[in-house]
């Protein structure tokens, strides 16, 4: 198998992800907010990259919601996942992530 082209452990890839977040996140968040407030959502982000969308979702799903982020390279996602129990990271088929009763 060849090396994964978008290796999140490399600085150029982190810069690429940061550029994508700066360009696209505001519109993504605006689109989500237009749906409703997000409480109770059960979200699966495919291709979680740097985790900014998953982080936004975690702030909005509330006590009964959860967020699952998947990516082939989860290095940056794993760093974020230690900050909340409403969030799970995997490179395999998804399972439900735990709920955080503190929010």
Foldseek 3Di string as FASTA:
>chain_A
DDDDPLALVDPVNVVVLVVCCVVPVVVVVVVVVVVDQQAQAEEEAEACRQPPVVVVNVVRNPQNYAYEYEDCHCVNVVVVCVVDQRYYYDPDDDDHTDGDNPD
